[in-house]
């Protein structure tokens, strides 16, 4: 409808009135809603001006756009650093964009980092948003640290029923990525080293480098980060911060072994360092995961652990509400950094989150996601075993929604990902998940964003056609 109206505009002079909505409905045999949306689309393009009660009119011609400016001077300004800068600046978002970019229509999405629309609690979120808007003071300025009720809820979730984490030590943040960036800037001096798991989440590496930090990799296995190598890395680098994901690590799915938890904390204490615990996947456990280990923060009375938790992964990409939990002067530093950067998290968003987690729909949603993720995990591993038996899965996590596929030696993961995209399936190449040279080539396959188990099977069949070493690949 908008296309037809756009073509008809040439019949009218600037300022001339277009036919009425009723006339357009009768002429094109469409609904009034369709006409209204088409006119709104043209108004957004600046082609039409709508006047309530008068109708729609052709807009005046657009002014000629000025010639583009010369921004070449910025190449010097953005790279001319002095030793006082403390380290390199800038950010490489390539690895992050690989998981945020929506694939073209018809491409199976194995690269995303969020739940698909059918698994999001959209009705519950809409109801929570409506209730939040009616709360007294919903549009007032919130406390700098966040709403007290929301801080108390996060404290219970992080510290457990024993109250190991006080509400006064919780800072509400604009999602997990913002929390990680705030923690890195608050705890690590610019230009210093920060220890990271290898491989790890590309968004962490990008945030560290953008903060002027130097990521130093510490290898992990299926039992999580290796304490012996962590101790060596502290000694060699002088780092005062290590970032780890003890539960369903991204991208490997590893869970930190109970016997390693104390050693990781001891290594950090001996180095006088902080542990940033990114607990992004706790609400993404599958329904056969069994009892989950407590957060590291729950076993840490001395303030070594700074805990990151977010509601975004389990709800919606746009519910950017998370929390940082810390003790002692570190909390004051975290709060100061966030206040300087963004003041506070918008109160309507916090009120919406509080309404959601306080409703019966919250626990129902957690159960639904836990069952569906197990179903999708099983469908993916079954399809891989049938279609790609040469792609072994030595470890299949019971939480999160990532599988870490190892490619044949000498393979270029980026080239395989490009070939897969052309074959109709989007995956994330493994290179951006490493802070240094990758020891072996990998792909990350995310089974959550797909439309369903049928699409998962189709995606694996398409991947088979480009797998290195197969005929025709």
Protein backbone atom coordinates (compact mmCIF):
# COMPACT_ATOMS: atom_id res chain seq x y z
CA UNK A 1 0.00 0.00 0.00
CA UNK A 2 2.81 2.40 0.87
CA UNK A 3 4.51 1.56 -2.43
CA UNK A 4 1.34 2.38 -4.39
CA UNK A 5 0.84 5.68 -2.58
CA UNK A 6 4.49 6.58 -3.09
CA UNK A 7 4.06 6.15 -6.85
CA UNK A 8 0.86 8.25 -6.86
CA UNK A 9 2.49 11.19 -5.08
CA UNK A 10 3.84 12.56 -8.36
CA UNK A 11 0.26 13.44 -9.35
CA UNK A 12 0.03 15.99 -6.56
CA UNK A 13 1.72 19.34 -6.03
CA UNK A 14 3.50 20.11 -2.75
CA UNK A 15 0.87 20.97 -0.17
CA UNK A 16 -1.97 19.41 -2.19
CA UNK A 17 -4.35 17.16 -0.29
CA UNK A 18 -4.37 13.43 -0.97
CA UNK A 19 -7.63 11.44 -1.20
CA UNK A 20 -9.30 10.74 2.12
CA UNK A 21 -8.61 7.54 4.02
CA UNK A 22 -12.14 6.36 3.23
CA UNK A 23 -11.57 6.92 -0.51
CA UNK A 24 -8.27 5.00 -0.36
CA UNK A 25 -9.96 2.13 1.49
CA UNK A 26 -12.66 1.86 -1.18
CA UNK A 27 -10.27 2.29 -4.12
CA UNK A 28 -7.70 -0.29 -3.01
CA UNK A 29 -10.05 -2.59 -1.06
CA UNK A 30 -7.91 -2.65 2.06
CA UNK A 31 -8.66 -2.02 5.70
CA UNK A 32 -8.50 1.43 7.35
CA UNK A 33 -5.60 0.15 9.47
CA UNK A 34 -3.59 -0.67 6.34
CA UNK A 35 -4.19 2.83 4.94
CA UNK A 36 -3.26 4.43 8.26
CA UNK A 37 0.00 2.45 8.49
CA UNK A 38 0.90 3.21 4.87
CA UNK A 39 0.39 6.94 5.40
CA UNK A 40 2.43 6.76 8.61
CA UNK A 41 5.26 5.08 6.68
CA UNK A 42 5.25 7.86 4.08
CA UNK A 43 5.13 10.49 6.82
CA UNK A 44 8.18 8.90 8.44
CA UNK A 45 9.97 9.19 5.08
CA UNK A 46 9.13 12.89 4.90
CA UNK A 47 6.94 12.45 1.80
CA UNK A 48 3.59 13.15 3.41
CA UNK A 49 2.34 15.50 6.12
CA UNK A 50 -0.71 14.41 8.11
CA UNK A 51 -2.93 16.92 9.88
CA UNK A 52 -5.50 15.58 12.37
CA UNK A 53 -9.00 16.35 11.17
CA UNK A 54 -7.78 17.70 7.82
CA UNK A 55 -6.17 14.72 6.08
CA UNK A 56 -2.86 13.94 4.40
CA UNK A 57 -0.92 16.31 2.15
CA UNK A 58 2.09 15.98 -0.08
CA UNK A 59 5.12 17.33 1.73
CA UNK A 60 7.31 20.08 0.37
CA UNK A 61 10.38 18.96 -1.59
CA UNK A 62 13.29 17.94 0.55
CA UNK A 63 16.19 20.37 0.72
CA UNK A 64 19.31 19.39 -1.19
CA UNK A 65 21.65 17.50 1.12
CA UNK A 66 24.90 19.34 1.85
CA UNK A 67 28.12 17.80 0.53
CA UNK A 68 29.78 15.34 2.93
CA UNK A 69 32.39 16.73 5.26
CA UNK A 70 36.01 15.69 5.54
CA UNK A 71 36.45 13.38 8.55
CA UNK A 72 39.94 12.19 7.65
CA UNK A 73 41.39 14.29 10.50
CA UNK A 74 39.81 11.81 12.94
CA UNK A 75 42.28 9.09 11.90
CA UNK A 76 45.01 11.17 13.51
CA UNK A 77 42.99 12.29 16.53
CA UNK A 78 41.84 8.76 17.42
CA UNK A 79 45.28 7.15 17.21
CA UNK A 80 47.69 9.86 18.36
CA UNK A 81 48.27 8.51 21.86
CA UNK A 82 50.90 9.47 24.38
CA UNK A 83 52.37 7.30 27.15
CA UNK A 84 50.06 9.11 29.58
CA UNK A 85 47.10 7.42 27.96
CA UNK A 86 47.99 4.24 29.81
CA UNK A 87 47.31 1.87 26.94
CA UNK A 88 45.57 1.41 23.62
CA UNK A 89 42.03 2.62 23.09
CA UNK A 90 39.29 1.64 20.71
CA UNK A 91 37.05 -1.36 20.43
CA UNK A 92 36.76 -4.25 18.00
CA UNK A 93 33.11 -5.31 18.03
CA UNK A 94 33.51 -7.96 15.32
CA UNK A 95 33.00 -10.91 17.65
CA UNK A 96 30.01 -9.28 19.33
CA UNK A 97 28.35 -8.31 16.06
CA UNK A 98 28.64 -11.93 14.87
CA UNK A 99 26.10 -12.89 17.54
CA UNK A 100 23.94 -9.75 17.40
CA UNK A 101 23.45 -9.45 13.66
CA UNK A 102 20.18 -10.99 12.48
CA UNK A 103 20.74 -13.37 9.52
CA UNK A 104 18.85 -12.83 6.25
CA UNK A 105 15.44 -14.48 5.79
CA UNK A 106 15.68 -18.20 5.13
CA UNK A 107 18.97 -18.61 7.01
CA UNK A 108 18.88 -20.86 10.08
CA UNK A 109 20.13 -18.85 13.04
CA UNK A 110 22.75 -20.78 15.01
CA UNK A 111 24.77 -17.68 15.90
CA UNK A 112 22.43 -15.68 18.15
CA UNK A 113 22.72 -15.08 21.85
CA UNK A 114 19.09 -14.65 22.87
CA UNK A 115 15.93 -16.69 23.14
CA UNK A 116 13.67 -16.69 20.07
CA UNK A 117 10.38 -14.75 20.24
CA UNK A 118 8.40 -17.93 20.92
CA UNK A 119 10.38 -18.60 24.10
CA UNK A 120 10.33 -15.07 25.48
CA UNK A 121 7.69 -14.21 28.10
CA UNK A 122 6.29 -11.47 25.91
CA UNK A 123 2.74 -11.55 27.28
CA UNK A 124 4.03 -11.53 30.84
CA UNK A 125 6.43 -8.69 29.98
CA UNK A 126 3.65 -6.64 28.41
CA UNK A 127 1.46 -7.15 31.47
CA UNK A 128 4.37 -6.30 33.77
CA UNK A 129 5.10 -3.14 31.78
CA UNK A 130 1.46 -2.05 32.03
CA UNK A 131 1.39 -2.64 35.78
CA UNK A 132 4.73 -0.89 36.21
CA UNK A 133 3.42 2.19 34.44
CA UNK A 134 0.63 2.46 37.01
CA UNK A 135 2.94 2.25 40.01
CA UNK A 136 3.15 5.45 42.08
CA UNK A 137 6.25 7.38 41.09
CA UNK A 138 7.00 5.08 38.16
CA UNK A 139 8.54 7.97 36.23
CA UNK A 140 10.37 9.49 39.15
CA UNK A 141 14.13 9.28 39.55
CA UNK A 142 15.09 5.97 41.19
CA UNK A 143 17.73 5.57 43.90
CA UNK A 144 21.21 5.64 42.38
CA UNK A 145 21.85 2.03 43.43
CA UNK A 146 18.47 0.80 42.16
CA UNK A 147 15.06 0.04 43.62
CA UNK A 148 15.34 -1.47 47.10
CA UNK A 149 12.95 -4.35 46.36
CA UNK A 150 14.84 -5.28 43.19
CA UNK A 151 18.21 -5.13 44.96
CA UNK A 152 16.86 -7.37 47.74
CA UNK A 153 15.57 -9.91 45.19
CA UNK A 154 18.92 -10.08 43.39
CA UNK A 155 20.71 -10.41 46.76
CA UNK A 156 18.60 -13.49 47.61
CA UNK A 157 19.13 -14.98 44.17
CA UNK A 158 22.91 -14.50 44.33
CA UNK A 159 23.58 -15.25 47.98
CA UNK A 160 21.05 -18.00 48.56
CA UNK A 161 18.61 -18.41 51.44
CA UNK A 162 21.35 -17.90 54.03
CA UNK A 163 21.65 -14.22 53.19
CA UNK A 164 25.32 -14.40 52.24
CA UNK A 165 24.91 -11.33 50.00
CA UNK A 166 23.27 -8.25 51.56
CA UNK A 167 20.94 -6.05 49.53
CA UNK A 168 23.14 -3.09 50.40
CA UNK A 169 25.91 -4.67 48.32
CA UNK A 170 23.84 -4.91 45.12
CA UNK A 171 23.93 -2.31 42.34
CA UNK A 172 21.28 -2.46 39.59
CA UNK A 173 22.84 -2.18 36.12
CA UNK A 174 21.66 -1.86 32.52
CA UNK A 175 22.19 -5.55 31.75
CA UNK A 176 25.17 -7.88 31.95
CA UNK A 177 27.40 -6.22 29.34
CA UNK A 178 27.13 -2.87 31.10
CA UNK A 179 27.90 -4.58 34.42
CA UNK A 180 31.04 -6.21 33.01
CA UNK A 181 32.27 -2.94 31.56
CA UNK A 182 31.64 -1.11 34.84
CA UNK A 183 33.46 -3.80 36.82
CA UNK A 184 36.50 -3.79 34.52
CA UNK A 185 36.80 -0.01 34.62
CA UNK A 186 36.35 0.10 38.38
CA UNK A 187 38.71 -2.71 39.39
CA UNK A 188 41.55 -2.80 36.83
CA UNK A 189 43.94 0.14 36.24
CA UNK A 190 44.08 1.28 32.63
CA UNK A 191 46.91 -0.40 30.76
CA UNK A 192 47.06 -3.38 33.13
CA UNK A 193 46.47 -7.06 32.45
CA UNK A 194 43.16 -8.78 33.10
CA UNK A 195 42.98 -12.58 33.18
CA UNK A 196 40.26 -14.21 31.08
CA UNK A 197 39.27 -17.78 30.37
CA UNK A 198 40.42 -19.18 27.06
CA UNK A 199 38.17 -19.32 25.11
CA UNK A 200 35.73 -16.74 26.43
CA UNK A 201 32.87 -14.43 25.52
CA UNK A 202 33.99 -11.93 22.81
CA UNK A 203 32.02 -9.12 24.44
CA UNK A 204 34.28 -9.38 27.46
CA UNK A 205 37.42 -9.15 25.34
CA UNK A 206 36.01 -6.14 23.49
CA UNK A 207 35.04 -4.40 26.74
CA UNK A 208 38.47 -5.03 28.25
CA UNK A 209 40.33 -3.66 25.24
CA UNK A 210 38.01 -0.66 24.98
CA UNK A 211 38.83 0.08 28.63
CA UNK A 212 42.54 0.09 27.84
CA UNK A 213 43.19 -3.32 29.42
CA UNK A 214 45.27 -6.23 28.14
CA UNK A 215 43.40 -9.59 28.19
CA UNK A 216 45.67 -12.48 29.20
CA UNK A 217 44.25 -15.96 28.46
CA UNK A 218 44.05 -18.75 31.04
CA UNK A 219 43.09 -22.11 29.46
CA UNK A 220 40.15 -24.11 30.76
CA UNK A 221 38.85 -27.65 30.28
CA UNK A 222 35.49 -29.30 30.91
CA UNK A 223 35.93 -28.68 34.66
CA UNK A 224 36.37 -24.94 34.20
CA UNK A 225 39.40 -22.69 34.46
CA UNK A 226 42.59 -24.51 35.48
CA UNK A 227 43.80 -23.28 38.90
CA UNK A 228 47.44 -24.23 38.25
CA UNK A 229 47.57 -22.08 35.12
CA UNK A 230 45.61 -19.33 36.87
CA UNK A 231 48.26 -19.12 39.59
CA UNK A 232 51.01 -18.91 36.96
CA UNK A 233 49.12 -16.23 35.03
CA UNK A 234 48.74 -14.08 38.16
CA UNK A 235 52.45 -14.36 38.86
CA UNK A 236 53.54 -13.67 35.28
CA UNK A 237 51.17 -10.80 34.48
CA UNK A 238 50.73 -8.98 37.76
CA UNK A 239 46.99 -8.88 37.05
CA UNK A 240 44.61 -7.82 39.80
CA UNK A 241 41.41 -9.04 38.08
CA UNK A 242 40.27 -12.35 36.65
CA UNK A 243 36.94 -12.79 34.87
CA UNK A 244 35.33 -16.22 34.80
CA UNK A 245 32.01 -17.90 34.07
CA UNK A 246 31.86 -20.82 36.54
CA UNK A 247 28.46 -22.07 35.36
CA UNK A 248 27.82 -23.21 31.74
CA UNK A 249 30.70 -21.15 30.39
CA UNK A 250 30.36 -19.40 27.04
CA UNK A 251 31.29 -20.91 24.62
CA UNK A 252 32.35 -24.31 26.01
CA UNK A 253 29.54 -24.93 28.51
CA UNK A 254 32.07 -25.95 31.18
CA UNK A 255 31.06 -25.94 34.86
CA UNK A 256 33.73 -25.16 37.45
CA UNK A 257 34.47 -28.38 39.37
CA UNK A 258 33.68 -28.23 43.11
CA UNK A 259 37.29 -29.07 43.87
CA UNK A 260 38.50 -26.04 41.92
CA UNK A 261 36.26 -23.39 43.48
CA UNK A 262 38.37 -22.90 46.60
CA UNK A 263 41.62 -22.96 44.60
CA UNK A 264 40.39 -20.22 42.24
CA UNK A 265 39.44 -18.00 45.17
CA UNK A 266 42.71 -18.79 46.96
CA UNK A 267 44.74 -17.88 43.87
CA UNK A 268 42.97 -14.54 43.65
CA UNK A 269 43.42 -13.83 47.37
CA UNK A 270 47.13 -14.63 47.17
CA UNK A 271 47.51 -12.19 44.27
CA UNK A 272 45.43 -9.48 45.95
CA UNK A 273 43.04 -9.71 43.01
CA UNK A 274 39.32 -9.62 42.32
CA UNK A 275 37.27 -12.37 40.69
CA UNK A 276 34.54 -11.03 38.42
CA UNK A 277 31.99 -13.85 38.35
CA UNK A 278 29.82 -13.63 35.24
CA UNK A 279 26.84 -15.82 36.17
CA UNK A 280 25.00 -15.22 32.90
CA UNK A 281 23.52 -18.72 32.47
CA UNK A 282 22.11 -19.63 35.89
CA UNK A 283 18.53 -19.18 34.66
CA UNK A 284 19.34 -21.13 31.49
CA UNK A 285 19.83 -24.50 33.17
CA UNK A 286 18.07 -27.41 31.44
CA UNK A 287 15.46 -29.39 33.33
CA UNK A 288 17.83 -32.36 33.63
CA UNK A 289 20.72 -30.29 35.04
CA UNK A 290 20.11 -31.30 38.65
CA UNK A 291 21.07 -29.13 41.60
CA UNK A 292 23.24 -26.17 40.62
CA UNK A 293 26.29 -25.12 42.63
CA UNK A 294 25.96 -21.83 44.50
CA UNK A 295 27.51 -18.68 43.15
CA UNK A 296 31.14 -18.10 44.09
CA UNK A 297 29.97 -14.89 45.74
CA UNK A 298 27.93 -16.92 48.22
CA UNK A 299 31.15 -18.51 49.58
CA UNK A 300 33.14 -15.29 49.74
CA UNK A 301 32.78 -13.10 52.86
CA UNK A 302 35.95 -11.10 52.11
CA UNK A 303 34.84 -9.28 48.97
CA UNK A 304 37.14 -11.11 46.54
CA UNK A 305 34.23 -11.90 44.20
CA UNK A 306 32.31 -9.26 42.27
CA UNK A 307 29.22 -10.99 40.92
CA UNK A 308 27.41 -10.17 37.65
CA UNK A 309 23.83 -11.34 37.01
CA UNK A 310 21.34 -10.28 34.33
CA UNK A 311 17.69 -10.83 33.44
CA UNK A 312 18.26 -10.16 29.73
CA UNK A 313 19.21 -13.65 28.50
CA UNK A 314 16.25 -15.36 30.14
CA UNK A 315 13.65 -12.75 29.13
CA UNK A 316 14.23 -10.39 26.21
CA UNK A 317 17.13 -8.53 24.57
CA UNK A 318 15.40 -5.28 25.50
CA UNK A 319 14.90 -5.99 29.21
CA UNK A 320 18.36 -4.72 30.02
CA UNK A 321 18.29 -5.08 33.79
CA UNK A 322 21.12 -6.73 35.71
CA UNK A 323 23.03 -6.50 38.96
CA UNK A 324 26.54 -6.19 40.36
CA UNK A 325 27.16 -7.56 43.86
CA UNK A 326 30.26 -6.51 45.77
CA UNK A 327 31.53 -5.85 49.28
CA UNK A 328 33.64 -3.10 50.80
CA UNK A 329 35.20 -0.14 48.97
CA UNK A 330 34.81 -1.98 45.66
CA UNK A 331 31.06 -1.38 45.81
CA UNK A 332 31.56 2.36 46.20
CA UNK A 333 33.93 2.36 43.22
CA UNK A 334 31.43 0.44 41.10
CA UNK A 335 28.63 2.83 42.02
CA UNK A 336 30.79 5.86 41.22
CA UNK A 337 31.70 4.53 37.77
CA UNK A 338 28.07 3.80 36.91
CA UNK A 339 26.84 7.18 38.15
CA UNK A 340 29.45 8.98 36.06
CA UNK A 341 28.66 6.88 32.98
CA UNK A 342 24.86 6.74 33.01
CA UNK A 343 23.47 8.07 36.35
CA UNK A 344 21.09 5.13 36.89
CA UNK A 345 18.95 2.48 35.19
CA UNK A 346 15.59 3.97 34.08
CA UNK A 347 12.96 3.44 36.76
CA UNK A 348 10.19 2.15 34.43
CA UNK A 349 12.53 -0.65 33.33
CA UNK A 350 13.34 -1.55 36.93
CA UNK A 351 9.64 -1.46 37.87
CA UNK A 352 8.82 -3.73 34.92
CA UNK A 353 11.48 -6.23 35.99
CA UNK A 354 10.16 -6.18 39.55
CA UNK A 355 6.60 -6.79 38.36
CA UNK A 356 7.76 -9.72 36.20
CA UNK A 357 9.80 -11.55 38.82
CA UNK A 358 7.04 -11.04 41.41
CA UNK A 359 4.36 -12.65 39.23
CA UNK A 360 3.44 -16.36 38.93
CA UNK A 361 4.41 -16.10 35.26
CA UNK A 362 8.09 -15.89 36.24
CA UNK A 363 8.42 -19.41 37.63
CA UNK A 364 6.29 -20.81 34.82
CA UNK A 365 8.59 -19.16 32.30
CA UNK A 366 11.70 -20.64 33.94
CA UNK A 367 10.20 -24.13 33.78
CA UNK A 368 9.18 -23.69 30.14
CA UNK A 369 12.63 -22.52 29.08
CA UNK A 370 14.38 -25.29 31.02
CA UNK A 371 12.31 -27.96 29.27
CA UNK A 372 12.60 -26.41 25.82
CA UNK A 373 16.36 -25.93 26.02
CA UNK A 374 16.83 -29.61 26.93
CA UNK A 375 14.61 -30.56 23.97
CA UNK A 376 16.63 -28.36 21.62
CA UNK A 377 19.95 -29.62 23.00
CA UNK A 378 18.87 -33.22 22.40
CA UNK A 379 17.65 -32.42 18.89
CA UNK A 380 20.94 -30.73 18.06
CA UNK A 381 23.21 -33.46 19.38
CA UNK A 382 21.08 -36.14 17.71
CA UNK A 383 21.27 -34.33 14.37
CA UNK A 384 25.02 -33.84 14.69
CA UNK A 385 25.55 -37.52 15.50
CA UNK A 386 23.53 -38.53 12.44
CA UNK A 387 24.74 -35.93 9.92
CA UNK A 388 28.24 -35.06 11.18
CA UNK A 389 29.72 -37.97 13.13
CA UNK A 390 33.18 -36.57 12.33
CA UNK A 391 32.37 -33.52 14.50
CA UNK A 392 32.74 -35.07 17.96
CA UNK A 393 31.15 -33.47 21.01
CA UNK A 394 33.32 -34.52 23.95
CA UNK A 395 31.27 -32.33 26.27
CA UNK A 396 27.54 -31.58 26.11
CA UNK A 397 26.47 -29.05 28.78
CA UNK A 398 23.14 -29.25 30.59
CA UNK A 399 22.74 -25.51 30.69
CA UNK A 400 23.04 -22.53 28.40
CA UNK A 401 22.49 -22.98 24.69
CA UNK A 402 25.92 -23.29 23.11
CA UNK A 403 27.82 -26.21 21.62
CA UNK A 404 31.54 -25.78 20.92
CA UNK A 405 32.35 -27.65 17.70
CA UNK A 406 35.96 -28.47 16.90
CA UNK A 407 36.95 -28.25 13.25
CA UNK A 408 39.66 -30.32 11.55
CA UNK A 409 43.17 -29.00 12.11
CA UNK A 410 44.28 -26.38 9.63
CA UNK A 411 40.73 -25.23 8.93
CA UNK A 412 39.88 -21.53 8.84
CA UNK A 413 36.76 -21.09 11.05
CA UNK A 414 35.86 -17.77 9.42
CA UNK A 415 35.92 -19.39 5.97
CA UNK A 416 33.71 -22.26 7.17
CA UNK A 417 31.27 -19.77 8.75
CA UNK A 418 31.14 -17.81 5.49
CA UNK A 419 30.48 -20.99 3.49
CA UNK A 420 27.79 -22.02 5.98
CA UNK A 421 26.11 -18.62 5.61
CA UNK A 422 25.96 -19.13 1.86
CA UNK A 423 24.47 -22.57 2.47
CA UNK A 424 21.74 -21.05 4.63
CA UNK A 425 22.99 -21.44 8.20
CA UNK A 426 24.61 -18.79 10.41
CA UNK A 427 27.25 -19.78 12.97
CA UNK A 428 29.89 -17.91 14.96
CA UNK A 429 33.54 -18.61 14.06
CA UNK A 430 35.69 -19.46 17.06
CA UNK A 431 38.56 -17.03 16.49
CA UNK A 432 37.05 -14.02 18.32
CA UNK A 433 36.58 -16.15 21.46
CA UNK A 434 40.32 -16.30 22.09
CA UNK A 435 42.42 -13.49 23.57
CA UNK A 436 45.51 -14.81 21.76
CA UNK A 437 46.20 -17.31 18.99
CA UNK A 438 43.62 -20.13 19.05
CA UNK A 439 45.15 -23.54 19.83
CA UNK A 440 42.66 -25.20 17.46
CA UNK A 441 39.83 -24.13 15.12
CA UNK A 442 36.26 -24.08 16.43
CA UNK A 443 32.72 -22.98 15.65
CA UNK A 444 30.07 -22.00 18.20
CA UNK A 445 26.61 -23.37 17.53
CA UNK A 446 23.73 -21.81 19.47
CA UNK A 447 20.56 -23.91 19.41
CA UNK A 448 18.26 -21.41 21.16
CA UNK A 449 17.53 -18.86 18.39
CA UNK A 450 16.19 -21.39 15.87
CA UNK A 451 12.44 -21.46 15.30
CA UNK A 452 12.15 -25.06 16.56
CA UNK A 453 13.59 -28.56 16.49
CA UNK A 454 12.66 -29.00 12.83
CA UNK A 455 14.71 -25.98 11.85
CA UNK A 456 17.60 -27.24 13.99
CA UNK A 457 17.69 -30.49 11.99
CA UNK A 458 17.60 -28.57 8.72
CA UNK A 459 20.40 -26.29 9.88
CA UNK A 460 22.65 -29.23 10.73
CA UNK A 461 21.97 -30.79 7.32
CA UNK A 462 23.02 -27.53 5.67
CA UNK A 463 26.14 -27.40 7.81
CA UNK A 464 27.02 -30.91 6.68
CA UNK A 465 27.24 -29.70 3.08
CA UNK A 466 30.11 -27.31 3.91
CA UNK A 467 31.89 -29.27 6.63
CA UNK A 468 35.64 -29.49 5.84
CA UNK A 469 36.68 -32.80 4.33
CA UNK A 470 33.24 -33.77 3.07
CA UNK A 471 32.71 -34.29 -0.64
CA UNK A 472 31.52 -31.07 -2.23
CA UNK A 473 32.35 -28.91 0.78
